[in-house]
N, C-alpha and C. Protein backbone atom coordinates (compact mmCIF):
# COMPACT_ATOMS: atom_id res chain seq x y z
N MET A 1 -20.86 6.01 13.53
CA MET A 1 -20.42 5.94 12.15
C MET A 1 -21.59 6.36 11.25
N THR A 2 -21.26 7.04 10.18
CA THR A 2 -22.32 7.48 9.27
C THR A 2 -22.92 6.27 8.56
N THR A 3 -24.16 6.43 8.17
CA THR A 3 -24.84 5.30 7.54
C THR A 3 -24.29 5.02 6.15
N LEU A 4 -23.91 6.06 5.42
CA LEU A 4 -23.38 5.85 4.07
C LEU A 4 -22.01 5.15 4.15
N LYS A 5 -21.20 5.56 5.10
CA LYS A 5 -19.88 4.93 5.25
C LYS A 5 -20.05 3.46 5.68
N SER A 6 -20.96 3.18 6.58
CA SER A 6 -21.17 1.79 7.01
C SER A 6 -21.73 0.95 5.86
N ARG A 7 -22.56 1.58 5.00
CA ARG A 7 -23.07 0.87 3.82
C ARG A 7 -21.92 0.52 2.89
N LEU A 8 -21.00 1.46 2.70
CA LEU A 8 -19.82 1.19 1.87
C LEU A 8 -19.01 0.02 2.43
N GLN A 9 -18.81 0.02 3.75
CA GLN A 9 -18.03 -1.05 4.38
C GLN A 9 -18.75 -2.39 4.27
N ASP A 10 -20.07 -2.40 4.46
CA ASP A 10 -20.83 -3.64 4.31
C ASP A 10 -20.76 -4.16 2.88
N ASP A 11 -20.88 -3.24 1.91
CA ASP A 11 -20.81 -3.63 0.50
C ASP A 11 -19.40 -4.13 0.14
N LEU A 12 -18.38 -3.55 0.77
CA LEU A 12 -17.01 -4.02 0.54
C LEU A 12 -16.86 -5.45 1.03
N THR A 13 -17.38 -5.73 2.22
CA THR A 13 -17.32 -7.08 2.77
C THR A 13 -18.02 -8.07 1.84
N ALA A 14 -19.19 -7.68 1.35
CA ALA A 14 -19.95 -8.55 0.43
C ALA A 14 -19.18 -8.76 -0.87
N ALA A 15 -18.56 -7.70 -1.40
CA ALA A 15 -17.81 -7.81 -2.65
C ALA A 15 -16.60 -8.72 -2.48
N ILE A 16 -15.95 -8.65 -1.33
CA ILE A 16 -14.80 -9.52 -1.07
C ILE A 16 -15.25 -10.97 -1.01
N LYS A 17 -16.36 -11.22 -0.32
CA LYS A 17 -16.87 -12.58 -0.22
C LYS A 17 -17.28 -13.13 -1.58
N GLU A 18 -17.81 -12.25 -2.45
CA GLU A 18 -18.23 -12.67 -3.79
C GLU A 18 -17.05 -12.71 -4.78
N ARG A 19 -15.88 -12.31 -4.30
CA ARG A 19 -14.68 -12.25 -5.12
C ARG A 19 -14.86 -11.32 -6.33
N ASP A 20 -15.56 -10.21 -6.10
CA ASP A 20 -15.77 -9.19 -7.12
C ASP A 20 -14.62 -8.20 -7.03
N GLU A 21 -13.58 -8.43 -7.83
CA GLU A 21 -12.35 -7.65 -7.74
C GLU A 21 -12.58 -6.18 -8.04
N LEU A 22 -13.33 -5.86 -9.08
CA LEU A 22 -13.57 -4.47 -9.47
C LEU A 22 -14.28 -3.71 -8.36
N ARG A 23 -15.37 -4.27 -7.88
CA ARG A 23 -16.17 -3.60 -6.85
C ARG A 23 -15.37 -3.45 -5.55
N SER A 24 -14.68 -4.51 -5.14
CA SER A 24 -13.93 -4.42 -3.88
C SER A 24 -12.78 -3.42 -3.99
N ALA A 25 -12.08 -3.38 -5.11
CA ALA A 25 -10.99 -2.43 -5.29
C ALA A 25 -11.52 -0.99 -5.29
N THR A 26 -12.64 -0.77 -5.95
CA THR A 26 -13.23 0.57 -6.02
C THR A 26 -13.68 1.03 -4.64
N LEU A 27 -14.35 0.14 -3.91
CA LEU A 27 -14.84 0.51 -2.57
C LEU A 27 -13.67 0.73 -1.61
N ARG A 28 -12.61 -0.07 -1.75
CA ARG A 28 -11.43 0.14 -0.90
C ARG A 28 -10.82 1.52 -1.12
N MET A 29 -10.68 1.90 -2.41
CA MET A 29 -10.11 3.21 -2.72
C MET A 29 -11.00 4.33 -2.19
N THR A 30 -12.30 4.16 -2.28
CA THR A 30 -13.23 5.18 -1.81
C THR A 30 -13.18 5.29 -0.29
N LEU A 31 -13.16 4.16 0.39
CA LEU A 31 -13.06 4.19 1.86
C LEU A 31 -11.73 4.79 2.31
N ALA A 32 -10.67 4.54 1.55
CA ALA A 32 -9.37 5.14 1.87
C ALA A 32 -9.44 6.66 1.71
N ALA A 33 -10.12 7.13 0.67
CA ALA A 33 -10.28 8.57 0.47
C ALA A 33 -11.10 9.19 1.60
N ILE A 34 -12.11 8.48 2.07
CA ILE A 34 -12.93 8.96 3.19
C ILE A 34 -12.09 9.04 4.46
N THR A 35 -11.32 8.00 4.73
CA THR A 35 -10.46 7.99 5.91
C THR A 35 -9.44 9.11 5.83
N LYS A 36 -8.87 9.32 4.66
CA LYS A 36 -7.90 10.40 4.47
C LYS A 36 -8.55 11.75 4.79
N GLU A 37 -9.76 11.93 4.36
CA GLU A 37 -10.49 13.18 4.65
C GLU A 37 -10.77 13.32 6.14
N GLU A 38 -11.07 12.19 6.78
CA GLU A 38 -11.37 12.22 8.23
C GLU A 38 -10.17 12.63 9.06
N VAL A 39 -8.98 12.24 8.65
CA VAL A 39 -7.79 12.54 9.44
C VAL A 39 -7.07 13.79 8.96
N ALA A 40 -7.57 14.42 7.90
CA ALA A 40 -6.97 15.66 7.42
C ALA A 40 -7.26 16.78 8.40
N GLY A 41 -6.35 17.72 8.49
CA GLY A 41 -6.55 18.85 9.39
C GLY A 41 -5.87 18.63 10.72
N THR A 42 -6.28 19.41 11.71
CA THR A 42 -5.61 19.39 13.00
C THR A 42 -6.02 18.22 13.87
N SER A 43 -7.28 17.74 13.72
CA SER A 43 -7.71 16.59 14.53
C SER A 43 -8.62 15.68 13.70
N ALA A 44 -8.58 14.41 14.05
CA ALA A 44 -9.41 13.43 13.35
C ALA A 44 -10.87 13.65 13.73
N ARG A 45 -11.76 13.39 12.78
CA ARG A 45 -13.19 13.56 13.04
C ARG A 45 -13.98 12.59 12.19
N GLU A 46 -15.21 12.39 12.54
CA GLU A 46 -16.12 11.52 11.80
C GLU A 46 -16.85 12.38 10.76
N LEU A 47 -16.86 11.93 9.50
CA LEU A 47 -17.55 12.68 8.45
C LEU A 47 -19.05 12.42 8.51
N SER A 48 -19.82 13.44 8.18
CA SER A 48 -21.28 13.27 8.07
C SER A 48 -21.59 12.59 6.75
N ASP A 49 -22.84 12.15 6.58
CA ASP A 49 -23.23 11.53 5.31
C ASP A 49 -23.02 12.47 4.13
N ASP A 50 -23.32 13.76 4.33
CA ASP A 50 -23.14 14.73 3.25
C ASP A 50 -21.67 14.85 2.87
N GLU A 51 -20.79 14.85 3.87
CA GLU A 51 -19.36 14.95 3.59
C GLU A 51 -18.85 13.68 2.90
N VAL A 52 -19.35 12.53 3.33
CA VAL A 52 -18.98 11.26 2.69
C VAL A 52 -19.44 11.28 1.23
N GLN A 53 -20.64 11.79 1.01
CA GLN A 53 -21.17 11.85 -0.35
C GLN A 53 -20.31 12.77 -1.22
N LYS A 54 -19.84 13.87 -0.67
CA LYS A 54 -18.97 14.78 -1.43
C LYS A 54 -17.66 14.08 -1.81
N VAL A 55 -17.13 13.24 -0.91
CA VAL A 55 -15.91 12.48 -1.22
C VAL A 55 -16.21 11.50 -2.37
N ILE A 56 -17.36 10.84 -2.32
CA ILE A 56 -17.73 9.90 -3.38
C ILE A 56 -17.91 10.63 -4.70
N ILE A 57 -18.54 11.81 -4.67
CA ILE A 57 -18.71 12.61 -5.89
C ILE A 57 -17.34 12.97 -6.47
N HIS A 58 -16.42 13.35 -5.61
CA HIS A 58 -15.07 13.70 -6.05
C HIS A 58 -14.37 12.48 -6.67
N GLU A 59 -14.52 11.34 -6.04
CA GLU A 59 -13.90 10.11 -6.56
C GLU A 59 -14.50 9.74 -7.92
N ALA A 60 -15.82 9.87 -8.05
CA ALA A 60 -16.48 9.56 -9.32
C ALA A 60 -16.01 10.51 -10.42
N LYS A 61 -15.83 11.78 -10.08
CA LYS A 61 -15.35 12.76 -11.05
C LYS A 61 -13.93 12.41 -11.49
N LYS A 62 -13.09 11.98 -10.54
CA LYS A 62 -11.73 11.57 -10.89
C LYS A 62 -11.76 10.40 -11.87
N ARG A 63 -12.69 9.46 -11.66
CA ARG A 63 -12.79 8.31 -12.57
C ARG A 63 -13.20 8.75 -13.98
N ARG A 64 -14.17 9.69 -14.07
CA ARG A 64 -14.61 10.18 -15.38
C ARG A 64 -13.45 10.87 -16.11
N GLU A 65 -12.73 11.72 -15.38
CA GLU A 65 -11.62 12.44 -16.00
C GLU A 65 -10.51 11.48 -16.43
N ALA A 66 -10.22 10.49 -15.61
CA ALA A 66 -9.19 9.51 -15.96
C ALA A 66 -9.61 8.69 -17.17
N ALA A 67 -10.89 8.33 -17.24
CA ALA A 67 -11.39 7.56 -18.39
C ALA A 67 -11.23 8.37 -19.67
N GLU A 68 -11.54 9.66 -19.61
CA GLU A 68 -11.36 10.52 -20.79
C GLU A 68 -9.89 10.60 -21.18
N ALA A 69 -9.03 10.78 -20.20
CA ALA A 69 -7.60 10.89 -20.48
C ALA A 69 -7.06 9.60 -21.10
N PHE A 70 -7.45 8.46 -20.53
CA PHE A 70 -7.00 7.18 -21.09
C PHE A 70 -7.53 6.99 -22.50
N ALA A 71 -8.80 7.34 -22.73
CA ALA A 71 -9.39 7.19 -24.06
C ALA A 71 -8.67 8.09 -25.06
N ASP A 72 -8.38 9.31 -24.67
CA ASP A 72 -7.66 10.24 -25.55
C ASP A 72 -6.25 9.75 -25.83
N GLY A 73 -5.67 9.05 -24.88
CA GLY A 73 -4.31 8.52 -25.04
C GLY A 73 -4.27 7.18 -25.74
N GLY A 74 -5.41 6.67 -26.17
CA GLY A 74 -5.43 5.41 -26.89
C GLY A 74 -5.31 4.18 -26.00
N ARG A 75 -5.65 4.33 -24.72
CA ARG A 75 -5.56 3.20 -23.79
C ARG A 75 -6.97 2.78 -23.40
N ALA A 76 -7.64 2.14 -24.32
CA ALA A 76 -9.06 1.80 -24.17
C ALA A 76 -9.33 0.88 -22.98
N GLU A 77 -8.42 -0.05 -22.71
CA GLU A 77 -8.63 -0.99 -21.61
C GLU A 77 -8.66 -0.27 -20.26
N GLN A 78 -7.72 0.64 -20.04
CA GLN A 78 -7.70 1.40 -18.79
C GLN A 78 -8.90 2.35 -18.71
N ALA A 79 -9.28 2.93 -19.85
CA ALA A 79 -10.43 3.83 -19.87
C ALA A 79 -11.70 3.06 -19.48
N GLU A 80 -11.83 1.85 -19.97
CA GLU A 80 -13.01 1.04 -19.63
C GLU A 80 -13.02 0.68 -18.15
N ARG A 81 -11.86 0.39 -17.58
CA ARG A 81 -11.76 0.09 -16.15
C ARG A 81 -12.21 1.30 -15.32
N GLU A 82 -11.76 2.49 -15.70
CA GLU A 82 -12.14 3.71 -14.98
C GLU A 82 -13.64 3.95 -15.08
N ARG A 83 -14.21 3.71 -16.26
CA ARG A 83 -15.67 3.87 -16.43
C ARG A 83 -16.42 2.87 -15.55
N ALA A 84 -15.93 1.65 -15.49
CA ALA A 84 -16.57 0.63 -14.65
C ALA A 84 -16.51 1.01 -13.18
N GLU A 85 -15.38 1.56 -12.74
CA GLU A 85 -15.27 2.02 -11.35
C GLU A 85 -16.24 3.17 -11.09
N GLY A 86 -16.40 4.05 -12.08
CA GLY A 86 -17.35 5.15 -11.95
C GLY A 86 -18.78 4.65 -11.81
N GLU A 87 -19.10 3.57 -12.52
CA GLU A 87 -20.44 2.98 -12.42
C GLU A 87 -20.68 2.38 -11.04
N VAL A 88 -19.65 1.79 -10.45
CA VAL A 88 -19.77 1.26 -9.09
C VAL A 88 -20.09 2.41 -8.13
N LEU A 89 -19.37 3.52 -8.28
CA LEU A 89 -19.59 4.67 -7.38
C LEU A 89 -20.95 5.32 -7.62
N ALA A 90 -21.47 5.23 -8.84
CA ALA A 90 -22.77 5.86 -9.15
C ALA A 90 -23.89 5.28 -8.29
N ASP A 91 -23.71 4.04 -7.81
CA ASP A 91 -24.73 3.42 -6.95
C ASP A 91 -24.89 4.18 -5.63
N TYR A 92 -23.88 4.94 -5.25
CA TYR A 92 -23.89 5.63 -3.96
C TYR A 92 -24.19 7.13 -4.09
N LEU A 93 -24.45 7.57 -5.31
CA LEU A 93 -24.70 8.98 -5.56
C LEU A 93 -26.19 9.23 -5.77
N PRO A 94 -26.64 10.47 -5.52
CA PRO A 94 -28.05 10.77 -5.78
C PRO A 94 -28.34 10.65 -7.27
N GLU A 95 -29.59 10.40 -7.61
CA GLU A 95 -30.01 10.29 -9.01
C GLU A 95 -29.67 11.59 -9.74
N GLN A 96 -28.97 11.48 -10.86
CA GLN A 96 -28.57 12.66 -11.61
C GLN A 96 -29.74 13.24 -12.41
N LEU A 97 -29.75 14.56 -12.56
CA LEU A 97 -30.80 15.23 -13.32
C LEU A 97 -30.65 14.93 -14.81
N THR A 98 -31.78 14.78 -15.49
CA THR A 98 -31.73 14.65 -16.94
C THR A 98 -31.50 16.04 -17.52
N ASP A 99 -31.16 16.10 -18.81
CA ASP A 99 -30.94 17.39 -19.46
C ASP A 99 -32.20 18.25 -19.40
N GLU A 100 -33.36 17.62 -19.57
CA GLU A 100 -34.62 18.36 -19.54
C GLU A 100 -34.89 18.94 -18.15
N GLU A 101 -34.67 18.15 -17.11
CA GLU A 101 -34.87 18.63 -15.74
C GLU A 101 -33.91 19.77 -15.42
N LEU A 102 -32.66 19.64 -15.86
CA LEU A 102 -31.67 20.68 -15.64
C LEU A 102 -32.08 21.96 -16.37
N ASP A 103 -32.55 21.82 -17.62
CA ASP A 103 -32.98 23.00 -18.39
C ASP A 103 -34.12 23.73 -17.70
N VAL A 104 -35.06 22.99 -17.11
CA VAL A 104 -36.18 23.62 -16.40
C VAL A 104 -35.67 24.42 -15.21
N LEU A 105 -34.78 23.83 -14.41
CA LEU A 105 -34.22 24.52 -13.25
C LEU A 105 -33.43 25.76 -13.66
N VAL A 106 -32.65 25.64 -14.74
CA VAL A 106 -31.84 26.77 -15.22
C VAL A 106 -32.74 27.88 -15.74
N THR A 107 -33.79 27.53 -16.48
CA THR A 107 -34.72 28.53 -17.01
C THR A 107 -35.38 29.30 -15.86
N GLU A 108 -35.82 28.58 -14.83
CA GLU A 108 -36.43 29.24 -13.67
C GLU A 108 -35.42 30.17 -12.99
N ALA A 109 -34.18 29.72 -12.85
CA ALA A 109 -33.16 30.54 -12.20
C ALA A 109 -32.84 31.78 -13.02
N VAL A 110 -32.79 31.65 -14.35
CA VAL A 110 -32.52 32.81 -15.22
C VAL A 110 -33.65 33.83 -15.09
N GLU A 111 -34.90 33.35 -15.09
CA GLU A 111 -36.04 34.26 -14.94
C GLU A 111 -35.99 34.97 -13.59
N GLU A 112 -35.64 34.22 -12.55
CA GLU A 112 -35.54 34.79 -11.21
C GLU A 112 -34.43 35.85 -11.14
N ALA A 113 -33.29 35.57 -11.78
CA ALA A 113 -32.18 36.52 -11.79
C ALA A 113 -32.55 37.77 -12.60
N ARG A 114 -33.24 37.58 -13.71
CA ARG A 114 -33.66 38.73 -14.53
C ARG A 114 -34.66 39.59 -13.77
N ALA A 115 -35.53 38.96 -12.98
CA ALA A 115 -36.49 39.70 -12.18
C ALA A 115 -35.76 40.55 -11.13
N ALA A 116 -34.60 40.06 -10.70
CA ALA A 116 -33.79 40.79 -9.72
C ALA A 116 -32.88 41.82 -10.38
N GLY A 117 -32.91 41.91 -11.72
CA GLY A 117 -32.15 42.93 -12.43
C GLY A 117 -30.89 42.45 -13.12
N ALA A 118 -30.59 41.18 -13.09
CA ALA A 118 -29.39 40.66 -13.75
C ALA A 118 -29.71 40.43 -15.23
N GLU A 119 -28.84 40.91 -16.12
CA GLU A 119 -29.05 40.79 -17.56
C GLU A 119 -27.80 40.31 -18.27
N GLY A 120 -27.99 39.61 -19.38
CA GLY A 120 -26.90 39.22 -20.26
C GLY A 120 -25.94 38.21 -19.65
N PRO A 121 -24.81 38.02 -20.34
CA PRO A 121 -23.81 37.04 -19.88
C PRO A 121 -23.22 37.35 -18.51
N ARG A 122 -23.25 38.62 -18.11
CA ARG A 122 -22.70 38.98 -16.80
C ARG A 122 -23.58 38.49 -15.66
N ALA A 123 -24.78 38.01 -15.97
CA ALA A 123 -25.69 37.49 -14.95
C ALA A 123 -25.32 36.08 -14.52
N MET A 124 -24.29 35.52 -15.13
CA MET A 124 -23.89 34.14 -14.87
C MET A 124 -23.75 33.85 -13.37
N GLY A 125 -23.03 34.69 -12.66
CA GLY A 125 -22.81 34.48 -11.22
C GLY A 125 -24.10 34.49 -10.43
N ALA A 126 -24.98 35.43 -10.76
CA ALA A 126 -26.27 35.52 -10.06
C ALA A 126 -27.12 34.30 -10.32
N VAL A 127 -27.14 33.84 -11.56
CA VAL A 127 -27.93 32.66 -11.91
C VAL A 127 -27.36 31.42 -11.23
N MET A 128 -26.02 31.28 -11.21
CA MET A 128 -25.40 30.12 -10.58
C MET A 128 -25.71 30.08 -9.09
N LYS A 129 -25.75 31.25 -8.43
CA LYS A 129 -26.09 31.31 -7.01
C LYS A 129 -27.50 30.81 -6.76
N ILE A 130 -28.39 31.06 -7.70
CA ILE A 130 -29.78 30.63 -7.55
C ILE A 130 -29.93 29.15 -7.86
N VAL A 131 -29.28 28.68 -8.93
CA VAL A 131 -29.51 27.31 -9.41
C VAL A 131 -28.73 26.25 -8.62
N ASN A 132 -27.54 26.57 -8.11
CA ASN A 132 -26.73 25.57 -7.42
C ASN A 132 -27.42 24.91 -6.23
N PRO A 133 -28.08 25.67 -5.33
CA PRO A 133 -28.78 24.98 -4.23
C PRO A 133 -29.92 24.08 -4.71
N LYS A 134 -30.55 24.43 -5.82
CA LYS A 134 -31.65 23.61 -6.35
C LYS A 134 -31.12 22.32 -6.96
N VAL A 135 -29.93 22.40 -7.56
CA VAL A 135 -29.34 21.22 -8.20
C VAL A 135 -28.76 20.28 -7.15
N ALA A 136 -28.06 20.82 -6.17
CA ALA A 136 -27.53 20.09 -5.02
C ALA A 136 -26.97 18.71 -5.34
N ASP A 137 -25.83 18.66 -5.98
CA ASP A 137 -25.10 17.41 -6.25
C ASP A 137 -25.81 16.45 -7.21
N ARG A 138 -26.87 16.89 -7.85
CA ARG A 138 -27.56 16.01 -8.80
C ARG A 138 -27.12 16.27 -10.23
N ALA A 139 -26.17 17.20 -10.41
CA ALA A 139 -25.57 17.46 -11.71
C ALA A 139 -24.19 18.06 -11.47
N GLU A 140 -23.25 17.72 -12.32
CA GLU A 140 -21.89 18.21 -12.19
C GLU A 140 -21.84 19.71 -12.49
N GLY A 141 -20.98 20.42 -11.78
CA GLY A 141 -20.90 21.87 -11.91
C GLY A 141 -20.65 22.35 -13.33
N GLY A 142 -19.80 21.68 -14.05
CA GLY A 142 -19.51 22.07 -15.44
C GLY A 142 -20.73 21.95 -16.32
N ARG A 143 -21.51 20.92 -16.09
CA ARG A 143 -22.74 20.71 -16.86
C ARG A 143 -23.75 21.81 -16.56
N VAL A 144 -23.86 22.20 -15.29
CA VAL A 144 -24.77 23.27 -14.89
C VAL A 144 -24.31 24.59 -15.51
N ALA A 145 -23.01 24.88 -15.41
CA ALA A 145 -22.48 26.13 -15.97
C ALA A 145 -22.72 26.21 -17.47
N ALA A 146 -22.53 25.10 -18.18
CA ALA A 146 -22.77 25.08 -19.61
C ALA A 146 -24.23 25.36 -19.95
N ALA A 147 -25.14 24.78 -19.16
CA ALA A 147 -26.57 25.01 -19.39
C ALA A 147 -26.94 26.46 -19.12
N VAL A 148 -26.36 27.05 -18.07
CA VAL A 148 -26.64 28.47 -17.75
C VAL A 148 -26.10 29.37 -18.86
N LYS A 149 -24.87 29.10 -19.31
CA LYS A 149 -24.27 29.89 -20.39
C LYS A 149 -25.13 29.84 -21.65
N LYS A 150 -25.57 28.63 -21.98
CA LYS A 150 -26.41 28.43 -23.18
C LYS A 150 -27.71 29.21 -23.04
N ARG A 151 -28.34 29.15 -21.87
CA ARG A 151 -29.61 29.84 -21.65
C ARG A 151 -29.42 31.35 -21.70
N LEU A 152 -28.33 31.86 -21.13
CA LEU A 152 -28.09 33.31 -21.13
C LEU A 152 -27.73 33.83 -22.53
N ALA A 153 -27.06 32.99 -23.31
CA ALA A 153 -26.65 33.40 -24.67
C ALA A 153 -27.85 33.41 -25.62
N GLY A 154 -28.78 32.50 -25.40
CA GLY A 154 -29.89 32.40 -26.37
C GLY A 154 -31.15 32.47 -25.68
């Protein structure tokens, strides 16, 4: 069993014993998503830590989007619940890049792409190919794309 998945299961057991409803419900949903991913396809398989982390990232993104939707719909209580679930999942994600750190990585990638001959807004794809491996799950794709667009425009 992967270490991240076993950590999730251990934390779920602890949350149940502590009667922490929010944490236990969030971890249950995440473990269910991991299990669903494991049995998807032609044969069941064990996910690696990286694959488990991608499932957690996806679940956290779903929580952020749901919180925005609930907030836009005037359902503040549900939006707050989704944000709280997202905070629980954040404990299992790599440390996110600050805006300044992201700007440094994007600036370096833009300079590297320009050195290779990519210019203007059409260089977006080339810059994203350079910056994505450096960012590696430490910033959401939309945030990275926005930073690249901003850097290429100005």
